[in-house]
Amino acid sequence: MSAKVSGQESAGTTRGQRLAAYVSGTLNRKFPPEVLDAAKRALVDYLGVAVGASEDAPVRPVRRAVQGWKAAGNARIFLGGRTTPALVTAGKLDPRTPLEGKFSVPFCIALGLRGYRAAASDFNDATMRDASVMEVVPIVALEAVHGQAPHAAHLDVFLDGGERLHADTDIVIGHPDNPMSWEDLRTKFDGLVEPILGPQKTAMLCETARRFDQPGSLRKITDLLESLR
């Protein structure tokens, strides 16, 4: 497959207008309900992660720097790199901040064992001070299993009396073959977005994204995100 984009545009036509026209034309096509539902889930998930990350500590100085460039409104930054093994990316053994907790498999396991859902709202100063969670973190051992599918996980818990508890996850929630329910997705979305936009705008953004195929929805999404600029 190849594509060619002309460098010439008619007078008064912007890239944004061309994109809007393309999206509008695409939405006029008749897609199977399951395809449209998958697209809506993807948009809600994308927006939640993007908004939630916009105020993370490493992101704030980048945003300030970019705003100082006085670039055009449609300028974007794209970061790339090579995939890093999970035990390096998320293997932080001694997390001290909520952000470090997000990249710590031991901390996430400890949250789950102590009854937390490991939603975005669970990564806060209070859980970092929860002794029942933090006492579990140092006794979690991570083991790389050769040939194991990246969407699978296995857990063994060895109790003091010698009993062994075992659990398998063949396909993690969120994988295309095991998608999150709308309830789970909303819980994730609210946890990411509410601290940034507040409950009312968060609910409006989620519901609008779920109906992005309706006229005016994309403009409304843009308006709701204006406060992040």
Foldseek 3Di string as FASTA:
>chain_A
DDDDDDPDDDPPDDPVNVVVVVVLVVLVDDDPPVVLQVQLLVLLLVVLVVQLCCPPPVNVVVVVVVVVVPDDPPDDDDDDDDDDDLCVQQPPQQDQALVNLVSHPLLQVLCVVVPHPPALLCSHPVVSPPPSSNVRRNVDDDDDDPPQDPQKDKDWDADPVGDIDIDIDNGHECPPVHDDDPVVSLSNSCSRNCVPQNDPLSVVLSVLSSVVSDPPSVVVNVVSCVVSD
